[in-house]
PDB file of N, CA and C in Angstrom:
ATOM      1  N   UNK A   1      -2.454  14.712  12.161  1.00  0.00           N
ATOM      2  CA  UNK A   1      -1.602  13.412  11.601  1.00  0.00           C
ATOM      3  C   UNK A   1      -0.449  14.129   9.844  1.00  0.00           C
ATOM      4  N   UNK A   2       0.594  13.193  10.074  1.00  0.00           N
ATOM      5  CA  UNK A   2       1.285  13.617   8.995  1.00  0.00           C
ATOM      6  C   UNK A   2       0.686  12.923   7.738  1.00  0.00           C
ATOM      7  N   UNK A   3       0.575  13.712   6.713  1.00  0.00           N
ATOM      8  CA  UNK A   3       0.627  13.170   5.457  1.00  0.00           C
ATOM      9  C   UNK A   3       1.611  12.768   4.506  1.00  0.00           C
ATOM     10  N   UNK A   4       1.843  11.613   3.661  1.00  0.00           N
ATOM     11  CA  UNK A   4       3.095  11.454   2.918  1.00  0.00           C
ATOM     12  C   UNK A   4       2.813  11.308   1.523  1.00  0.00           C
ATOM     13  N   UNK A   5       3.877  11.220   0.844  1.00  0.00           N
ATOM     14  CA  UNK A   5       3.409  11.028  -0.763  1.00  0.00           C
ATOM     15  C   UNK A   5       4.424   9.762  -1.249  1.00  0.00           C
ATOM     16  N   UNK A   6       4.776   9.045  -2.298  1.00  0.00           N
ATOM     17  CA  UNK A   6       4.863   7.767  -2.315  1.00  0.00           C
ATOM     18  C   UNK A   6       5.320   8.387  -3.903  1.00  0.00           C
ATOM     19  N   UNK A   7       6.592   8.289  -4.146  1.00  0.00           N
ATOM     20  CA  UNK A   7       7.327   8.809  -5.349  1.00  0.00           C
ATOM     21  C   UNK A   7       8.248   7.400  -5.733  1.00  0.00           C
ATOM     22  N   UNK A   8       8.110   6.789  -6.873  1.00  0.00           N
ATOM     23  CA  UNK A   8       8.788   5.776  -7.645  1.00  0.00           C
ATOM     24  C   UNK A   8      10.330   6.648  -7.849  1.00  0.00           C
ATOM     25  N   UNK A   9      10.818   5.949  -7.027  1.00  0.00           N
ATOM     26  CA  UNK A   9      12.732   6.599  -7.302  1.00  0.00           C
ATOM     27  C   UNK A   9      13.208   6.436  -8.995  1.00  0.00           C
ATOM     28  N   UNK A  10      12.964   4.824  -9.423  1.00  0.00           N
ATOM     29  CA  UNK A  10      13.212   4.762 -10.908  1.00  0.00           C
ATOM     30  C   UNK A  10      12.858   6.181 -12.014  1.00  0.00           C
ATOM     31  N   UNK A  11      11.602   6.569 -11.794  1.00  0.00           N
ATOM     32  CA  UNK A  11      11.039   7.271 -12.496  1.00  0.00           C
ATOM     33  C   UNK A  11      10.819   8.961 -12.157  1.00  0.00           C
ATOM     34  N   UNK A  12      10.791   9.294 -10.708  1.00  0.00           N
ATOM     35  CA  UNK A  12      10.759  10.025  -9.879  1.00  0.00           C
ATOM     36  C   UNK A  12       9.309  10.504 -10.119  1.00  0.00           C
ATOM     37  N   UNK A  13       8.264   9.968 -10.685  1.00  0.00           N
ATOM     38  CA  UNK A  13       6.759   9.825 -10.654  1.00  0.00           C
ATOM     39  C   UNK A  13       6.463   9.802  -9.046  1.00  0.00           C
ATOM     40  N   UNK A  14       5.728  10.984  -8.789  1.00  0.00           N
ATOM     41  CA  UNK A  14       4.500  10.819  -7.321  1.00  0.00           C
ATOM     42  C   UNK A  14       3.318   9.824  -7.706  1.00  0.00           C
ATOM     43  N   UNK A  15       3.396   8.598  -7.160  1.00  0.00           N
ATOM     44  CA  UNK A  15       2.122   8.063  -7.324  1.00  0.00           C
ATOM     45  C   UNK A  15       1.201   7.566  -6.701  1.00  0.00           C
ATOM     46  N   UNK A  16       1.159   8.587  -4.896  1.00  0.00           N
ATOM     47  CA  UNK A  16       0.669   9.032  -4.444  1.00  0.00           C
ATOM     48  C   UNK A  16       0.798   9.664  -3.514  1.00  0.00           C
ATOM     49  N   UNK A  17      -0.369  10.657  -2.791  1.00  0.00           N
ATOM     50  CA  UNK A  17       0.095  12.008  -2.347  1.00  0.00           C
ATOM     51  C   UNK A  17      -0.792  12.328  -0.870  1.00  0.00           C
ATOM     52  N   UNK A  18      -1.484  11.082  -0.441  1.00  0.00           N
ATOM     53  CA  UNK A  18      -2.784  10.637   0.301  1.00  0.00           C
ATOM     54  C   UNK A  18      -2.293  10.100   1.499  1.00  0.00           C
ATOM     55  N   UNK A  19      -1.108   9.940   1.813  1.00  0.00           N
ATOM     56  CA  UNK A  19      -0.438   8.181   2.177  1.00  0.00           C
ATOM     57  C   UNK A  19      -0.003   8.594   4.248  1.00  0.00           C
ATOM     58  N   UNK A  20      -0.962   7.540   4.794  1.00  0.00           N
ATOM     59  CA  UNK A  20      -0.585   7.874   6.117  1.00  0.00           C
ATOM     60  C   UNK A  20       0.523   6.392   6.338  1.00  0.00           C
ATOM     61  N   UNK A  21       1.163   6.391   7.299  1.00  0.00           N
ATOM     62  CA  UNK A  21       1.942   5.956   7.572  1.00  0.00           C
ATOM     63  C   UNK A  21       0.847   5.079   9.251  1.00  0.00           C
ATOM     64  N   UNK A  22       1.348   3.644   9.161  1.00  0.00           N
ATOM     65  CA  UNK A  22       0.613   2.727   9.949  1.00  0.00           C
ATOM     66  C   UNK A  22       1.594   2.541  11.294  1.00  0.00           C
ATOM     67  N   UNK A  23       1.806   3.660  12.107  1.00  0.00           N
ATOM     68  CA  UNK A  23       2.656   3.462  13.111  1.00  0.00           C
ATOM     69  C   UNK A  23       2.520   2.517  14.657  1.00  0.00           C
ATOM     70  N   UNK A  24       0.834   2.948  14.901  1.00  0.00           N
ATOM     71  CA  UNK A  24       0.162   2.526  15.998  1.00  0.00           C
ATOM     72  C   UNK A  24      -0.491   1.082  16.046  1.00  0.00           C
ATOM     73  N   UNK A  25      -0.863   0.278  17.124  1.00  0.00           N
ATOM     74  CA  UNK A  25      -1.541  -1.020  16.668  1.00  0.00           C
ATOM     75  C   UNK A  25      -3.144  -0.578  16.614  1.00  0.00           C
ATOM     76  N   UNK A  26      -3.686   0.976  16.451  1.00  0.00           N
ATOM     77  CA  UNK A  26      -5.044   0.929  16.150  1.00  0.00           C
ATOM     78  C   UNK A  26      -4.964   1.151  14.597  1.00  0.00           C
ATOM     79  N   UNK A  27      -4.225   2.178  14.240  1.00  0.00           N
ATOM     80  CA  UNK A  27      -3.826   2.350  12.799  1.00  0.00           C
ATOM     81  C   UNK A  27      -3.977   1.026  11.731  1.00  0.00           C
ATOM     82  N   UNK A  28      -2.789   0.131  12.825  1.00  0.00           N
ATOM     83  CA  UNK A  28      -2.762  -1.112  11.959  1.00  0.00           C
ATOM     84  C   UNK A  28      -3.527  -2.112  11.881  1.00  0.00           C
ATOM     85  N   UNK A  29      -4.516  -2.024  13.005  1.00  0.00           N
ATOM     86  CA  UNK A  29      -5.990  -3.172  13.309  1.00  0.00           C
ATOM     87  C   UNK A  29      -6.909  -2.257  12.201  1.00  0.00           C
ATOM     88  N   UNK A  30      -7.028  -0.907  12.344  1.00  0.00           N
ATOM     89  CA  UNK A  30      -8.284  -0.621  11.560  1.00  0.00           C
ATOM     90  C   UNK A  30      -7.927  -0.374   9.985  1.00  0.00           C
ATOM     91  N   UNK A  31      -6.734   0.213  10.270  1.00  0.00           N
ATOM     92  CA  UNK A  31      -6.193   0.546   8.521  1.00  0.00           C
ATOM     93  C   UNK A  31      -7.859   1.508   7.475  1.00  0.00           C
ATOM     94  N   UNK A  32      -8.135   0.716   6.502  1.00  0.00           N
ATOM     95  CA  UNK A  32      -9.324   0.820   5.553  1.00  0.00           C
ATOM     96  C   UNK A  32     -10.318   0.463   5.920  1.00  0.00           C
ATOM     97  N   UNK A  33     -10.927   0.195   7.192  1.00  0.00           N
ATOM     98  CA  UNK A  33     -11.600  -1.095   7.090  1.00  0.00           C
ATOM     99  C   UNK A  33     -13.200   0.225   7.512  1.00  0.00           C
ATOM    100  N   UNK A  34     -12.783   1.124   8.370  1.00  0.00           N
ATOM    101  CA  UNK A  34     -14.151   2.257   8.383  1.00  0.00           C
ATOM    102  C   UNK A  34     -14.673   2.888   7.441  1.00  0.00           C
ATOM    103  N   UNK A  35     -13.670   2.602   6.345  1.00  0.00           N
ATOM    104  CA  UNK A  35     -14.056   3.280   4.734  1.00  0.00           C
ATOM    105  C   UNK A  35     -14.705   2.661   3.555  1.00  0.00           C
ATOM    106  N   UNK A  36     -15.613   3.225   3.645  1.00  0.00           N
ATOM    107  CA  UNK A  36     -16.566   2.536   2.300  1.00  0.00           C
ATOM    108  C   UNK A  36     -16.402   2.572   0.921  1.00  0.00           C
ATOM    109  N   UNK A  37     -15.359   3.857   0.446  1.00  0.00           N
ATOM    110  CA  UNK A  37     -14.327   4.000  -0.634  1.00  0.00           C
ATOM    111  C   UNK A  37     -12.775   4.248  -0.294  1.00  0.00           C
ATOM    112  N   UNK A  38     -11.910   4.430  -1.320  1.00  0.00           N
ATOM    113  CA  UNK A  38     -10.671   4.510  -1.418  1.00  0.00           C
ATOM    114  C   UNK A  38     -10.095   4.808  -2.308  1.00  0.00           C
ATOM    115  N   UNK A  39      -9.617   6.213  -2.586  1.00  0.00           N
ATOM    116  CA  UNK A  39      -9.323   6.626  -4.050  1.00  0.00           C
ATOM    117  C   UNK A  39      -8.094   6.227  -4.122  1.00  0.00           C
ATOM    118  N   UNK A  40      -7.290   6.181  -5.673  1.00  0.00           N
ATOM    119  CA  UNK A  40      -6.308   5.522  -5.777  1.00  0.00           C
ATOM    120  C   UNK A  40      -4.557   6.514  -5.377  1.00  0.00           C
ATOM    121  N   UNK A  41      -5.210   7.657  -4.738  1.00  0.00           N
ATOM    122  CA  UNK A  41      -3.902   8.852  -4.626  1.00  0.00           C
ATOM    123  C   UNK A  41      -3.864   8.244  -2.715  1.00  0.00           C
ATOM    124  N   UNK A  42      -4.729   7.622  -2.396  1.00  0.00           N
ATOM    125  CA  UNK A  42      -4.418   7.463  -1.327  1.00  0.00           C
ATOM    126  C   UNK A  42      -4.038   6.466  -0.475  1.00  0.00           C
ATOM    127  N   UNK A  43      -3.056   5.802   0.159  1.00  0.00           N
ATOM    128  CA  UNK A  43      -2.471   4.908   0.401  1.00  0.00           C
ATOM    129  C   UNK A  43      -2.308   4.863   2.478  1.00  0.00           C
ATOM    130  N   UNK A  44      -1.814   3.407   2.768  1.00  0.00           N
ATOM    131  CA  UNK A  44      -1.398   2.606   3.893  1.00  0.00           C
ATOM    132  C   UNK A  44      -0.168   2.316   3.889  1.00  0.00           C
ATOM    133  N   UNK A  45       0.838   2.756   4.143  1.00  0.00           N
ATOM    134  CA  UNK A  45       2.206   2.075   4.587  1.00  0.00           C
ATOM    135  C   UNK A  45       2.496   1.480   5.827  1.00  0.00           C
ATOM    136  N   UNK A  46       2.672   0.336   5.547  1.00  0.00           N
ATOM    137  CA  UNK A  46       2.611  -1.125   6.917  1.00  0.00           C
ATOM    138  C   UNK A  46       4.169  -1.137   7.100  1.00  0.00           C
ATOM    139  N   UNK A  47       5.231  -1.062   7.941  1.00  0.00           N
ATOM    140  CA  UNK A  47       5.972  -1.582   8.182  1.00  0.00           C
ATOM    141  C   UNK A  47       6.409  -2.298   8.607  1.00  0.00           C
ATOM    142  N   UNK A  48       7.592  -3.391   8.513  1.00  0.00           N
ATOM    143  CA  UNK A  48       7.511  -4.649   9.557  1.00  0.00           C
ATOM    144  C   UNK A  48       6.192  -5.609   9.384  1.00  0.00           C
ATOM    145  N   UNK A  49       6.313  -5.838   8.201  1.00  0.00           N
ATOM    146  CA  UNK A  49       4.676  -6.699   7.927  1.00  0.00           C
ATOM    147  C   UNK A  49       4.734  -7.319   6.409  1.00  0.00           C
ATOM    148  N   UNK A  50       4.684  -8.356   6.255  1.00  0.00           N
ATOM    149  CA  UNK A  50       4.483  -8.959   5.104  1.00  0.00           C
ATOM    150  C   UNK A  50       3.526  -9.285   4.425  1.00  0.00           C
ATOM    151  N   UNK A  51       2.272  -8.745   5.316  1.00  0.00           N
ATOM    152  CA  UNK A  51       1.277  -9.742   4.819  1.00  0.00           C
ATOM    153  C   UNK A  51      -0.214  -8.521   5.200  1.00  0.00           C
ATOM    154  N   UNK A  52      -1.608  -9.034   4.654  1.00  0.00           N
ATOM    155  CA  UNK A  52      -2.440  -8.649   5.137  1.00  0.00           C
ATOM    156  C   UNK A  52      -3.683  -9.313   5.015  1.00  0.00           C
ATOM    157  N   UNK A  53      -5.007  -8.678   5.361  1.00  0.00           N
ATOM    158  CA  UNK A  53      -6.202  -9.507   5.443  1.00  0.00           C
ATOM    159  C   UNK A  53      -7.369  -8.222   4.735  1.00  0.00           C
ATOM    160  N   UNK A  54      -7.980  -8.422   3.875  1.00  0.00           N
ATOM    161  CA  UNK A  54      -9.314  -7.817   3.647  1.00  0.00           C
ATOM    162  C   UNK A  54     -10.653  -8.487   4.039  1.00  0.00           C
ATOM    163  N   UNK A  55     -10.778  -8.744   5.255  1.00  0.00           N
ATOM    164  CA  UNK A  55     -11.244  -9.095   5.788  1.00  0.00           C
ATOM    165  C   UNK A  55     -12.334  -8.059   6.674  1.00  0.00           C
ATOM    166  N   UNK A  56     -13.897  -7.854   6.484  1.00  0.00           N
ATOM    167  CA  UNK A  56     -14.402  -6.757   6.713  1.00  0.00           C
ATOM    168  C   UNK A  56     -14.086  -6.095   5.890  1.00  0.00           C
ATOM    169  N   UNK A  57     -13.255  -5.545   4.666  1.00  0.00           N
ATOM    170  CA  UNK A  57     -13.310  -4.297   4.148  1.00  0.00           C
ATOM    171  C   UNK A  57     -14.588  -4.023   3.333  1.00  0.00           C
ATOM    172  N   UNK A  58     -14.847  -2.947   2.313  1.00  0.00           N
ATOM    173  CA  UNK A  58     -16.061  -2.517   1.914  1.00  0.00           C
ATOM    174  C   UNK A  58     -15.427  -2.339   0.710  1.00  0.00           C
ATOM    175  N   UNK A  59     -14.092  -2.323   0.660  1.00  0.00           N
ATOM    176  CA  UNK A  59     -13.502  -1.679  -0.685  1.00  0.00           C
ATOM    177  C   UNK A  59     -12.885  -2.438  -1.689  1.00  0.00           C
ATOM    178  N   UNK A  60     -11.702  -3.005  -2.812  1.00  0.00           N
ATOM    179  CA  UNK A  60     -11.126  -3.488  -3.260  1.00  0.00           C
ATOM    180  C   UNK A  60      -9.916  -2.705  -2.830  1.00  0.00           C
ATOM    181  N   UNK A  61      -8.615  -2.999  -2.756  1.00  0.00           N
ATOM    182  CA  UNK A  61      -7.373  -2.601  -2.213  1.00  0.00           C
ATOM    183  C   UNK A  61      -6.192  -2.776  -3.666  1.00  0.00           C
ATOM    184  N   UNK A  62      -5.587  -2.066  -3.808  1.00  0.00           N
ATOM    185  CA  UNK A  62      -4.066  -2.676  -4.315  1.00  0.00           C
ATOM    186  C   UNK A  62      -3.270  -2.615  -3.873  1.00  0.00           C
ATOM    187  N   UNK A  63      -2.500  -3.868  -3.297  1.00  0.00           N
ATOM    188  CA  UNK A  63      -1.844  -4.018  -2.744  1.00  0.00           C
ATOM    189  C   UNK A  63      -0.045  -3.847  -3.008  1.00  0.00           C
ATOM    190  N   UNK A  64       0.906  -3.252  -3.036  1.00  0.00           N
ATOM    191  CA  UNK A  64       2.236  -3.309  -3.342  1.00  0.00           C
ATOM    192  C   UNK A  64       2.868  -3.825  -1.528  1.00  0.00           C
ATOM    193  N   UNK A  65       3.528  -4.933  -2.280  1.00  0.00           N
ATOM    194  CA  UNK A  65       4.511  -5.143  -1.363  1.00  0.00           C
ATOM    195  C   UNK A  65       6.007  -5.487  -1.302  1.00  0.00           C
ATOM    196  N   UNK A  66       6.845  -4.581  -0.424  1.00  0.00           N
ATOM    197  CA  UNK A  66       8.189  -4.005  -0.857  1.00  0.00           C
ATOM    198  C   UNK A  66       9.488  -4.823   0.094  1.00  0.00           C
ATOM    199  N   UNK A  67      10.497  -5.010  -0.815  1.00  0.00           N
ATOM    200  CA  UNK A  67      11.638  -5.291   0.720  1.00  0.00           C
ATOM    201  C   UNK A  67      12.080  -4.290   1.704  1.00  0.00           C
ATOM    202  N   UNK A  68      13.108  -4.701   2.114  1.00  0.00           N
ATOM    203  CA  UNK A  68      13.987  -3.593   2.995  1.00  0.00           C
ATOM    204  C   UNK A  68      14.471  -2.711   2.346  1.00  0.00           C
ATOM    205  N   UNK A  69      14.547  -3.320   1.387  1.00  0.00           N
ATOM    206  CA  UNK A  69      15.197  -1.810   0.766  1.00  0.00           C
ATOM    207  C   UNK A  69      14.237  -0.955   0.218  1.00  0.00           C
ATOM    208  N   UNK A  70      13.345  -0.839   0.187  1.00  0.00           N
ATOM    209  CA  UNK A  70      11.711  -0.526  -0.393  1.00  0.00           C
ATOM    210  C   UNK A  70      11.733  -1.220  -1.696  1.00  0.00           C
ATOM    211  N   UNK A  71      12.071  -1.917  -2.513  1.00  0.00           N
ATOM    212  CA  UNK A  71      12.056  -2.418  -3.374  1.00  0.00           C
ATOM    213  C   UNK A  71      10.878  -3.595  -3.449  1.00  0.00           C
ATOM    214  N   UNK A  72      10.397  -3.351  -4.938  1.00  0.00           N
ATOM    215  CA  UNK A  72       9.232  -3.775  -4.817  1.00  0.00           C
ATOM    216  C   UNK A  72       9.444  -5.634  -5.277  1.00  0.00           C
ATOM    217  N   UNK A  73       8.538  -5.996  -4.054  1.00  0.00           N
ATOM    218  CA  UNK A  73       8.604  -7.980  -4.371  1.00  0.00           C
ATOM    219  C   UNK A  73       7.410  -8.160  -5.484  1.00  0.00           C
ATOM    220  N   UNK A  74       6.163  -7.703  -5.184  1.00  0.00           N
ATOM    221  CA  UNK A  74       4.783  -8.400  -5.799  1.00  0.00           C
ATOM    222  C   UNK A  74       4.422  -6.772  -5.501  1.00  0.00           C
ATOM    223  N   UNK A  75       3.232  -7.065  -6.584  1.00  0.00           N
ATOM    224  CA  UNK A  75       1.982  -5.720  -6.740  1.00  0.00           C
ATOM    225  C   UNK A  75       0.747  -7.034  -7.309  1.00  0.00           C
ATOM    226  N   UNK A  76      -0.140  -6.240  -6.383  1.00  0.00           N
ATOM    227  CA  UNK A  76      -1.802  -7.353  -6.140  1.00  0.00           C
ATOM    228  C   UNK A  76      -2.562  -6.463  -6.334  1.00  0.00           C
ATOM    229  N   UNK A  77      -3.055  -6.286  -7.605  1.00  0.00           N
ATOM    230  CA  UNK A  77      -4.079  -5.176  -7.833  1.00  0.00           C
ATOM    231  C   UNK A  77      -5.841  -5.950  -7.523  1.00  0.00           C
ATOM    232  N   UNK A  78      -6.362  -4.562  -7.042  1.00  0.00           N
ATOM    233  CA  UNK A  78      -7.940  -5.657  -6.720  1.00  0.00           C
ATOM    234  C   UNK A  78      -7.707  -6.560  -6.041  1.00  0.00           C
ATOM    235  N   UNK A  79      -7.932  -6.225  -4.991  1.00  0.00           N
ATOM    236  CA  UNK A  79      -7.604  -7.540  -4.045  1.00  0.00           C
ATOM    237  C   UNK A  79      -8.749  -7.141  -3.665  1.00  0.00           C
ATOM    238  N   UNK A  80      -9.577  -7.840  -3.888  1.00  0.00           N
ATOM    239  CA  UNK A  80     -11.088  -8.127  -2.786  1.00  0.00           C
ATOM    240  C   UNK A  80     -11.435  -8.186  -1.296  1.00  0.00           C
ATOM    241  N   UNK A  81     -12.715  -7.561  -1.073  1.00  0.00           N
ATOM    242  CA  UNK A  81     -13.120  -8.034   0.489  1.00  0.00           C
ATOM    243  C   UNK A  81     -13.039  -9.329   0.690  1.00  0.00           C
ATOM    244  N   UNK A  82     -12.413  -9.427   1.956  1.00  0.00           N
ATOM    245  CA  UNK A  82     -12.743 -10.788   2.192  1.00  0.00           C
ATOM    246  C   UNK A  82     -11.974 -11.641   2.154  1.00  0.00           C
ATOM    247  N   UNK A  83     -10.596 -11.338   1.627  1.00  0.00           N
ATOM    248  CA  UNK A  83      -9.853 -12.474   1.586  1.00  0.00           C
ATOM    249  C   UNK A  83      -8.988 -12.950   3.288  1.00  0.00           C
ATOM    250  N   UNK A  84      -8.561 -13.625   3.704  1.00  0.00           N
ATOM    251  CA  UNK A  84      -8.039 -13.852   4.618  1.00  0.00           C
ATOM    252  C   UNK A  84      -6.446 -13.282   4.619  1.00  0.00           C
ATOM    253  N   UNK A  85      -6.065 -13.805   3.587  1.00  0.00           N
ATOM    254  CA  UNK A  85      -4.580 -13.857   3.519  1.00  0.00           C
ATOM    255  C   UNK A  85      -3.996 -13.472   1.851  1.00  0.00           C
ATOM    256  N   UNK A  86      -3.340 -12.511   2.388  1.00  0.00           N
ATOM    257  CA  UNK A  86      -2.524 -11.333   0.831  1.00  0.00           C
ATOM    258  C   UNK A  86      -1.288 -11.762   1.211  1.00  0.00           C
ATOM    259  N   UNK A  87      -0.172 -11.899   0.932  1.00  0.00           N
ATOM    260  CA  UNK A  87       1.542 -12.295   1.599  1.00  0.00           C
ATOM    261  C   UNK A  87       2.500 -11.752   0.195  1.00  0.00           C
ATOM    262  N   UNK A  88       2.922 -11.671   0.480  1.00  0.00           N
ATOM    263  CA  UNK A  88       4.747 -11.730  -0.153  1.00  0.00           C
ATOM    264  C   UNK A  88       6.223 -12.114   0.265  1.00  0.00           C
ATOM    265  N   UNK A  89       6.715 -13.216   0.028  1.00  0.00           N
ATOM    266  CA  UNK A  89       7.792 -14.242   0.275  1.00  0.00           C
ATOM    267  C   UNK A  89       8.709 -12.004  -0.109  1.00  0.00           C
ATOM    268  N   UNK A  90       9.733 -12.110   1.272  1.00  0.00           N
ATOM    269  CA  UNK A  90      10.669 -11.499   1.320  1.00  0.00           C
ATOM    270  C   UNK A  90       9.998  -9.759   1.580  1.00  0.00           C
ATOM    271  N   UNK A  91       8.377  -9.657   1.539  1.00  0.00           N
ATOM    272  CA  UNK A  91       7.962  -8.710   2.262  1.00  0.00           C
ATOM    273  C   UNK A  91       8.084  -8.261   3.684  1.00  0.00           C
ATOM    274  N   UNK A  92       8.775  -6.688   3.748  1.00  0.00           N
ATOM    275  CA  UNK A  92       9.145  -5.937   5.170  1.00  0.00           C
ATOM    276  C   UNK A  92       8.207  -4.855   4.926  1.00  0.00           C
ATOM    277  N   UNK A  93       7.741  -4.341   3.587  1.00  0.00           N
ATOM    278  CA  UNK A  93       6.832  -3.521   3.771  1.00  0.00           C
ATOM    279  C   UNK A  93       5.312  -3.469   3.338  1.00  0.00           C
ATOM    280  N   UNK A  94       3.911  -3.595   3.467  1.00  0.00           N
ATOM    281  CA  UNK A  94       3.070  -3.614   2.799  1.00  0.00           C
ATOM    282  C   UNK A  94       2.364  -2.562   2.798  1.00  0.00           C
ATOM    283  N   UNK A  95       2.049  -1.561   1.340  1.00  0.00           N
ATOM    284  CA  UNK A  95       1.296  -0.337   0.597  1.00  0.00           C
ATOM    285  C   UNK A  95       0.571  -1.038   0.108  1.00  0.00           C
ATOM    286  N   UNK A  96      -0.470  -0.148   0.540  1.00  0.00           N
ATOM    287  CA  UNK A  96      -2.505  -0.299   0.092  1.00  0.00           C
ATOM    288  C   UNK A  96      -2.677   1.027  -0.161  1.00  0.00           C
ATOM    289  N   UNK A  97      -3.415   0.818  -1.425  1.00  0.00           N
ATOM    290  CA  UNK A  97      -4.060   2.391  -2.265  1.00  0.00           C
ATOM    291  C   UNK A  97      -5.157   1.315  -2.824  1.00  0.00           C
ATOM    292  N   UNK A  98      -6.046   2.567  -3.018  1.00  0.00           N
ATOM    293  CA  UNK A  98      -6.969   2.569  -3.577  1.00  0.00           C
ATOM    294  C   UNK A  98      -7.406   1.727  -4.359  1.00  0.00           C
ATOM    295  N   UNK A  99      -8.318   1.384  -5.219  1.00  0.00           N
ATOM    296  CA  UNK A  99      -8.313   0.163  -6.490  1.00  0.00           C
ATOM    297  C   UNK A  99      -8.025   1.334  -7.594  1.00  0.00           C
ATOM    298  N   UNK A 100      -6.959   1.090  -8.685  1.00  0.00           N
ATOM    299  CA  UNK A 100      -6.562   1.741  -9.619  1.00  0.00           C
ATOM    300  C   UNK A 100      -5.436   2.830  -9.687  1.00  0.00           C
ATOM    301  N   UNK A 101      -4.873   2.481  -8.547  1.00  0.00           N
ATOM    302  CA  UNK A 101      -3.549   2.829  -8.030  1.00  0.00           C
ATOM    303  C   UNK A 101      -2.631   1.643  -9.219  1.00  0.00           C
ATOM    304  N   UNK A 102      -2.471   0.954  -9.215  1.00  0.00           N
ATOM    305  CA  UNK A 102      -1.527   0.021  -9.978  1.00  0.00           C
ATOM    306  C   UNK A 102      -1.877   0.653 -11.200  1.00  0.00           C
ATOM    307  N   UNK A 103      -3.416   0.071 -11.721  1.00  0.00           N
ATOM    308  CA  UNK A 103      -3.306   0.473 -13.075  1.00  0.00           C
ATOM    309  C   UNK A 103      -2.941   1.971 -13.851  1.00  0.00           C
ATOM    310  N   UNK A 104      -2.903   2.977 -12.574  1.00  0.00           N
ATOM    311  CA  UNK A 104      -2.437   4.151 -12.752  1.00  0.00           C
ATOM    312  C   UNK A 104      -1.079   4.488 -13.255  1.00  0.00           C
ATOM    313  N   UNK A 105      -0.613   3.898 -11.952  1.00  0.00           N
ATOM    314  CA  UNK A 105       0.775   4.042 -12.101  1.00  0.00           C
ATOM    315  C   UNK A 105       1.569   2.440 -12.732  1.00  0.00           C
ATOM    316  N   UNK A 106       1.781   2.509 -13.774  1.00  0.00           N
ATOM    317  CA  UNK A 106       2.756   1.144 -14.539  1.00  0.00           C
ATOM    318  C   UNK A 106       3.684   0.777 -13.682  1.00  0.00           C
ATOM    319  N   UNK A 107       3.855  -0.692 -12.652  1.00  0.00           N
ATOM    320  CA  UNK A 107       4.949  -1.080 -11.801  1.00  0.00           C
ATOM    321  C   UNK A 107       5.806  -2.050 -11.999  1.00  0.00           C
ATOM    322  N   UNK A 108       6.842  -1.780 -11.780  1.00  0.00           N
ATOM    323  CA  UNK A 108       7.949  -2.922 -12.053  1.00  0.00           C
ATOM    324  C   UNK A 108       8.678  -3.355 -10.648  1.00  0.00           C
ATOM    325  N   UNK A 109       8.403  -5.046 -11.034  1.00  0.00           N
ATOM    326  CA  UNK A 109       9.121  -5.848  -9.584  1.00  0.00           C
ATOM    327  C   UNK A 109      10.788  -5.327  -9.827  1.00  0.00           C
ATOM    328  N   UNK A 110      10.934  -5.128  -8.558  1.00  0.00           N
ATOM    329  CA  UNK A 110      12.548  -3.829  -8.482  1.00  0.00           C
ATOM    330  C   UNK A 110      12.629  -2.492  -8.438  1.00  0.00           C
ATOM    331  N   UNK A 111      11.600  -2.169  -8.846  1.00  0.00           N
ATOM    332  CA  UNK A 111      11.384   0.238  -8.713  1.00  0.00           C
ATOM    333  C   UNK A 111      11.053   0.017  -7.030  1.00  0.00           C
ATOM    334  N   UNK A 112      11.806   1.111  -6.746  1.00  0.00           N
ATOM    335  CA  UNK A 112      11.841   1.327  -5.845  1.00  0.00           C
ATOM    336  C   UNK A 112      11.081   2.321  -5.336  1.00  0.00           C
ATOM    337  N   UNK A 113      10.248   2.452  -4.109  1.00  0.00           N
ATOM    338  CA  UNK A 113       9.416   3.396  -3.932  1.00  0.00           C
ATOM    339  C   UNK A 113       9.846   3.821  -2.866  1.00  0.00           C
ATOM    340  N   UNK A 114       9.585   5.496  -2.634  1.00  0.00           N
ATOM    341  CA  UNK A 114      10.046   6.491  -1.446  1.00  0.00           C
ATOM    342  C   UNK A 114       8.850   7.014  -1.111  1.00  0.00           C
ATOM    343  N   UNK A 115       9.183   7.013   0.311  1.00  0.00           N
ATOM    344  CA  UNK A 115       8.399   7.969   1.235  1.00  0.00           C
ATOM    345  C   UNK A 115       8.618   9.015   1.754  1.00  0.00           C
ATOM    346  N   UNK A 116       7.774  10.513   1.262  1.00  0.00           N
ATOM    347  CA  UNK A 116       8.498  11.545   1.824  1.00  0.00           C
ATOM    348  C   UNK A 116       7.543  12.463   2.201  1.00  0.00           C
ATOM    349  N   UNK A 117       7.380  12.676   3.323  1.00  0.00           N
ATOM    350  CA  UNK A 117       6.825  14.299   4.154  1.00  0.00           C
ATOM    351  C   UNK A 117       5.610  15.034   3.308  1.00  0.00           C
ATOM    352  N   UNK A 118       4.678  15.075   3.033  1.00  0.00           N
ATOM    353  CA  UNK A 118       3.971  16.029   2.597  1.00  0.00           C
ATOM    354  C   UNK A 118       4.335  17.383   3.066  1.00  0.00           C
TER     355      UNK A 118
END
């Protein structure tokens, strides 16, 4: 499985370095569900996605919504388990990270995130 890193293009800073692309239906369906804890540098990258849920999760998530140009349209820190629907208008990509990601990585609406192979 290929690991990726996520970089803020504006600052050049690497934000997470243990990111997986959720490219098939198993990865998209399971995501972080089997995990009881997720580190802030871990992430899942969902393309062609504008909403997620946290039903069945055992850990909170920091969720970043991006448009087609990979620009941030919404940041939702510390989304607790059990949410039926978390979404953002104009989102085309959803990136999920472990709790603490947003606090450790100040992000601005409009910042562009880049996914790079490790």
